[in-house]
Amino acid sequence: MTDSRRLVIRVSPTTLSFSTKGETGQVEYVPYDLNSGISLAANMREALQTQMICQGQYGRVMVMVSSPVLMIPIDLFDADTFANLYRYTFTPQEGQVAMHSVVPDLNGVAVFSVNKDLRTVLSDRWQQVDYMPVAAPVWRHLHQRSFTGPRNKLYVYFHDGQMEVMNFTQNRFKFCNSFAVNHPNDALYFMLNVWKQLNMQAEHDELHMVGDTPFMKELNEKAQEFVKRVFVINPSGEFNRAPVTQLKGVAYDLMVLYIKGR
């Protein structure tokens, strides 16, 4: 018998997790240790067979995918050409299929990629599977957050070895891009270049950082040498110690999904 619960699968090149919200409202979160000797699709097939959380008859299945994103204004989106445009932007894309997800709050369409074999494994298990970029809940939440106070804000979200830098104006992105980073100096370089490109003011405007990176403390100290108002968002404090923020290993985007919705 199929119930109304939703299974959320979060996929990145190096991590895999499953989660769902129970009848009591508590989130069940199950990380899965990837076997680096086999493909991501093979890992998924094994997880679906061995993890108890995957055995439920869910009414909905949502897959959050960490892959490069091409953001297209909604009035310029063309269903016939978006896949080719994505392949021209991000190469190579062998073994990947381009998909899109509308971001109505920001009048945009996010185009991203999903491994073809992985998608086949999931479609063999469930008839209806929805896909979206991992950062989609974060875009919506930080967009709403940007209206708090009079200052212009630059947001940086760290996840899966990369940083997403974003700035909003009214109901759309003013800037949205991602950069692979493994050192605080690289992150600082990208942030300050975007800051300068947007003509933001070091004495007045704000830099907000959130997410998972081993050098957040060092980066915070370095950023304060150039920007007066630097803030590191603490999810537990931001969401009033919501239970999902207390679970070990849960990504910020997954927290936002369960607390604020898509």
Protein backbone atom coordinates (compact mmCIF):
# COMPACT_ATOMS: atom_id res chain seq x y z
CA MET A 1 0.00 0.00 0.00
CA THR A 2 1.37 3.43 -0.96
CA ASP A 3 1.32 6.11 1.73
CA SER A 4 1.54 9.87 1.45
CA ARG A 5 5.10 10.21 2.74
CA ARG A 6 7.90 11.54 0.56
CA LEU A 7 11.31 9.93 0.24
CA VAL A 8 14.09 12.42 -0.40
CA ILE A 9 17.30 11.13 -2.00
CA ARG A 10 20.28 13.48 -2.01
CA VAL A 11 22.97 12.61 -4.56
CA SER A 12 26.41 14.09 -5.14
CA PRO A 13 29.51 12.58 -6.79
CA THR A 14 30.82 11.54 -3.36
CA THR A 15 27.77 11.28 -1.06
CA LEU A 16 24.38 9.62 -0.97
CA SER A 17 21.62 9.90 1.61
CA PHE A 18 17.96 9.02 2.12
CA SER A 19 15.49 10.83 4.35
CA THR A 20 11.80 11.10 5.07
CA LYS A 21 9.53 12.81 7.56
CA GLY A 22 7.50 10.50 9.78
CA GLU A 23 3.96 10.93 11.08
CA THR A 24 5.30 12.67 14.21
CA GLY A 25 7.09 15.25 12.09
CA GLN A 26 10.55 13.89 12.93
CA VAL A 27 12.99 13.49 10.04
CA GLU A 28 14.62 10.10 9.56
CA TYR A 29 18.01 10.58 7.93
CA VAL A 30 20.15 7.72 6.61
CA PRO A 31 23.54 8.42 4.99
CA TYR A 32 24.90 5.71 2.72
CA ASP A 33 28.62 4.96 2.43
CA LEU A 34 29.53 4.84 -1.25
CA ASN A 35 31.69 2.05 -2.61
CA SER A 36 34.25 3.88 -4.72
CA GLY A 37 34.97 0.73 -6.71
CA ILE A 38 31.59 0.73 -8.45
CA SER A 39 29.51 3.35 -10.26
CA LEU A 40 27.09 5.71 -8.58
CA ALA A 41 24.21 3.87 -10.25
CA ALA A 42 25.46 0.54 -8.89
CA ASN A 43 25.74 2.08 -5.43
CA MET A 44 22.15 3.27 -5.73
CA ARG A 45 20.96 -0.16 -6.80
CA GLU A 46 22.60 -1.75 -3.77
CA ALA A 47 21.25 0.92 -1.42
CA LEU A 48 17.70 0.41 -2.67
CA GLN A 49 18.04 -3.30 -1.93
CA THR A 50 19.69 -3.05 1.49
CA GLN A 51 18.45 0.12 3.23
CA MET A 52 15.25 -0.27 5.22
CA ILE A 53 14.23 3.33 4.57
CA CYS A 54 14.00 2.50 0.84
CA GLN A 55 11.50 -0.31 1.36
CA GLY A 56 8.51 1.90 2.08
CA GLN A 57 5.82 2.45 -0.56
CA TYR A 58 6.19 6.20 -0.86
CA GLY A 59 3.66 8.46 -2.51
CA ARG A 60 6.40 10.79 -3.72
CA VAL A 61 10.13 10.49 -4.41
CA MET A 62 12.30 13.59 -4.68
CA VAL A 63 15.92 13.42 -5.84
CA MET A 64 18.20 16.34 -5.03
CA VAL A 65 21.18 16.35 -7.38
CA SER A 66 24.50 18.11 -6.92
CA SER A 67 25.67 18.90 -10.44
CA PRO A 68 26.55 22.06 -12.42
CA VAL A 69 23.57 24.39 -12.87
CA LEU A 70 22.76 26.71 -15.75
CA MET A 71 20.20 29.33 -14.73
CA ILE A 72 18.02 30.64 -17.58
CA PRO A 73 15.48 33.50 -17.24
CA ILE A 74 12.04 31.96 -17.48
CA ASP A 75 11.01 34.15 -20.40
CA LEU A 76 14.06 32.95 -22.41
CA PHE A 77 13.69 29.25 -21.63
CA ASP A 78 13.12 26.99 -24.64
CA ALA A 79 12.20 23.35 -23.99
CA ASP A 80 13.62 22.36 -27.37
CA THR A 81 17.07 23.88 -26.92
CA PHE A 82 17.90 23.87 -23.19
CA ALA A 83 19.71 20.50 -23.34
CA ASN A 84 22.02 21.63 -26.14
CA LEU A 85 22.66 24.93 -24.37
CA TYR A 86 23.63 23.03 -21.22
CA ARG A 87 26.04 20.77 -23.13
CA TYR A 88 27.66 23.81 -24.75
CA THR A 89 28.11 25.41 -21.31
CA PHE A 90 29.38 22.39 -19.37
CA THR A 91 31.58 19.87 -21.19
CA PRO A 92 32.04 16.98 -21.27
CA GLN A 93 28.60 15.59 -20.38
CA GLU A 94 29.06 11.96 -21.41
CA GLY A 95 26.63 9.66 -19.61
CA GLN A 96 24.57 12.60 -18.35
CA VAL A 97 21.10 13.78 -19.25
CA ALA A 98 20.08 17.44 -18.94
CA MET A 99 16.96 18.16 -16.89
CA HIS A 100 15.26 21.36 -15.79
CA SER A 101 13.43 22.64 -12.74
CA VAL A 102 11.39 25.85 -12.66
CA VAL A 103 12.27 28.32 -9.89
CA PRO A 104 9.08 30.44 -9.93
CA ASP A 105 10.02 32.75 -7.03
CA LEU A 106 13.05 33.90 -9.02
CA ASN A 107 11.54 33.83 -12.51
CA GLY A 108 14.15 31.33 -13.62
CA VAL A 109 14.63 27.79 -14.83
CA ALA A 110 17.52 25.76 -13.42
CA VAL A 111 19.06 23.34 -15.92
CA PHE A 112 21.19 20.58 -14.39
CA SER A 113 22.40 17.08 -15.21
CA VAL A 114 21.61 13.61 -13.90
CA ASN A 115 23.55 10.45 -14.56
CA LYS A 116 21.57 8.41 -17.11
CA ASP A 117 22.20 5.05 -15.45
CA LEU A 118 21.25 6.46 -12.05
CA ARG A 119 17.99 7.78 -13.46
CA THR A 120 17.26 4.35 -14.97
CA VAL A 121 17.80 2.63 -11.62
CA LEU A 122 15.38 5.01 -9.93
CA SER A 123 12.74 4.82 -12.67
CA ASP A 124 12.88 1.01 -12.45
CA ARG A 125 12.04 1.30 -8.74
CA TRP A 126 9.44 4.09 -8.82
CA GLN A 127 7.06 5.21 -11.55
CA GLN A 128 7.21 8.90 -10.60
CA VAL A 129 10.47 10.53 -9.53
CA ASP A 130 11.01 14.31 -9.34
CA TYR A 131 14.44 15.89 -9.66
CA MET A 132 15.86 19.24 -8.60
CA PRO A 133 19.28 20.82 -7.90
CA VAL A 134 20.40 20.50 -4.29
CA ALA A 135 20.54 24.29 -3.90
CA ALA A 136 16.95 24.93 -5.04
CA PRO A 137 15.51 25.20 -1.48
CA VAL A 138 18.45 27.42 -0.50
CA TRP A 139 17.88 29.82 -3.41
CA ARG A 140 14.27 30.34 -2.37
CA HIS A 141 15.08 30.71 1.33
CA LEU A 142 17.99 33.12 0.89
CA HIS A 143 15.98 35.16 -1.59
CA GLN A 144 13.32 35.68 1.08
CA ARG A 145 16.03 36.34 3.65
CA SER A 146 17.58 39.02 1.45
CA PHE A 147 14.62 41.34 2.13
CA THR A 148 15.46 41.48 5.85
CA GLY A 149 16.96 44.88 6.59
CA PRO A 150 18.00 47.67 4.21
CA ARG A 151 21.47 46.43 3.21
CA ASN A 152 22.46 44.66 0.02
CA LYS A 153 23.56 41.07 0.73
CA LEU A 154 25.90 38.63 -0.96
CA TYR A 155 25.24 35.00 -0.02
CA VAL A 156 27.74 32.15 -0.28
CA TYR A 157 26.62 28.55 0.17
CA PHE A 158 29.25 25.80 0.55
CA HIS A 159 28.39 22.22 -0.32
CA ASP A 160 29.98 19.19 -1.96
CA GLY A 161 33.37 20.86 -2.48
CA GLN A 162 32.00 23.97 -4.15
CA MET A 163 30.64 27.39 -3.30
CA GLU A 164 27.53 28.97 -4.77
CA VAL A 165 27.57 32.76 -4.79
CA MET A 166 24.29 34.61 -5.16
CA ASN A 167 22.76 38.04 -4.96
CA PHE A 168 19.13 38.97 -5.50
CA THR A 169 17.20 41.92 -6.81
CA GLN A 170 13.45 41.97 -6.31
CA ASN A 171 12.10 38.69 -7.74
CA ARG A 172 15.14 37.41 -9.64
CA PHE A 173 18.83 36.63 -9.39
CA LYS A 174 21.19 39.53 -9.92
CA PHE A 175 24.09 37.08 -9.73
CA CYS A 176 24.27 33.29 -9.46
CA ASN A 177 27.35 31.17 -10.08
CA SER A 178 29.31 28.32 -8.52
CA PHE A 179 33.03 27.68 -8.10
CA ALA A 180 34.99 24.59 -7.09
CA VAL A 181 37.09 25.45 -4.04
CA ASN A 182 39.47 23.57 -1.75
CA HIS A 183 41.32 26.47 -0.11
CA PRO A 184 40.11 29.59 1.75
CA ASN A 185 42.20 31.89 -0.44
CA ASP A 186 40.41 30.60 -3.54
CA ALA A 187 37.02 31.14 -1.90
CA LEU A 188 38.00 34.64 -0.82
CA TYR A 189 39.22 35.49 -4.33
CA PHE A 190 35.93 34.44 -5.94
CA MET A 191 33.79 36.19 -3.31
CA LEU A 192 35.63 39.49 -3.51
CA ASN A 193 35.59 39.47 -7.31
CA VAL A 194 31.82 39.04 -7.30
CA TRP A 195 31.54 41.69 -4.59
CA LYS A 196 33.48 44.12 -6.77
CA GLN A 197 31.55 43.15 -9.92
CA LEU A 198 28.27 43.99 -8.15
CA ASN A 199 29.67 47.32 -6.86
CA MET A 200 28.89 46.35 -3.27
CA GLN A 201 30.10 48.64 -0.49
CA ALA A 202 32.61 47.28 2.03
CA GLU A 203 31.39 49.56 4.84
CA HIS A 204 27.67 49.16 4.28
CA ASP A 205 26.69 45.89 2.57
CA GLU A 206 26.71 42.39 4.02
CA LEU A 207 28.40 39.06 3.28
CA HIS A 208 26.61 35.94 4.57
CA MET A 209 28.18 32.47 4.45
CA VAL A 210 26.60 29.12 5.25
CA GLY A 211 27.14 25.43 4.64
CA ASP A 212 29.81 22.79 4.94
CA THR A 213 33.47 23.66 4.43
CA PRO A 214 36.49 22.82 6.62
CA PHE A 215 37.85 26.36 6.39
CA MET A 216 34.80 28.43 7.35
CA LYS A 217 36.47 29.91 10.46
CA GLU A 218 39.62 30.92 8.57
CA LEU A 219 37.61 32.30 5.66
CA ASN A 220 35.45 34.34 8.03
CA GLU A 221 38.56 35.95 9.53
CA LYS A 222 40.08 36.68 6.12
CA ALA A 223 36.85 38.15 4.74
CA GLN A 224 36.58 40.59 7.65
CA GLU A 225 39.82 42.21 6.49
CA PHE A 226 37.94 43.44 3.39
CA VAL A 227 34.25 43.55 4.33
CA LYS A 228 32.96 45.12 7.52
CA ARG A 229 29.75 43.13 7.89
CA VAL A 230 30.49 39.39 7.59
CA PHE A 231 28.14 36.78 9.02
CA VAL A 232 28.33 32.99 9.26
CA ILE A 233 24.82 31.55 9.40
CA ASN A 234 24.31 28.95 12.13
CA PRO A 235 21.41 26.71 11.00
CA SER A 236 20.49 25.71 14.55
CA GLY A 237 20.11 29.33 15.61
CA GLU A 238 18.54 30.41 12.33
CA PHE A 239 15.81 27.78 12.59
CA ASN A 240 15.30 27.95 16.37
CA ARG A 241 16.95 24.57 17.03
CA ALA A 242 14.57 22.68 14.75
CA PRO A 243 15.14 18.93 15.23
CA VAL A 244 16.51 18.38 11.72
CA THR A 245 19.30 20.89 12.43
CA GLN A 246 20.49 18.64 15.26
CA LEU A 247 20.98 15.58 13.04
CA LYS A 248 24.62 14.86 12.26
CA GLY A 249 25.71 15.15 8.65
CA VAL A 250 22.55 16.73 7.24
CA ALA A 251 23.33 19.28 4.53
CA TYR A 252 21.94 22.80 4.90
CA ASP A 253 19.88 22.43 1.71
CA LEU A 254 18.17 19.37 3.15
CA MET A 255 17.45 21.22 6.40
CA VAL A 256 15.87 24.07 4.45
CA LEU A 257 13.79 21.64 2.39
CA TYR A 258 12.25 20.11 5.51
CA ILE A 259 11.80 23.36 7.41
CA LYS A 260 10.83 25.80 4.66
CA GLY A 261 9.74 23.53 1.82
CA ARG A 262 10.96 23.55 -1.75
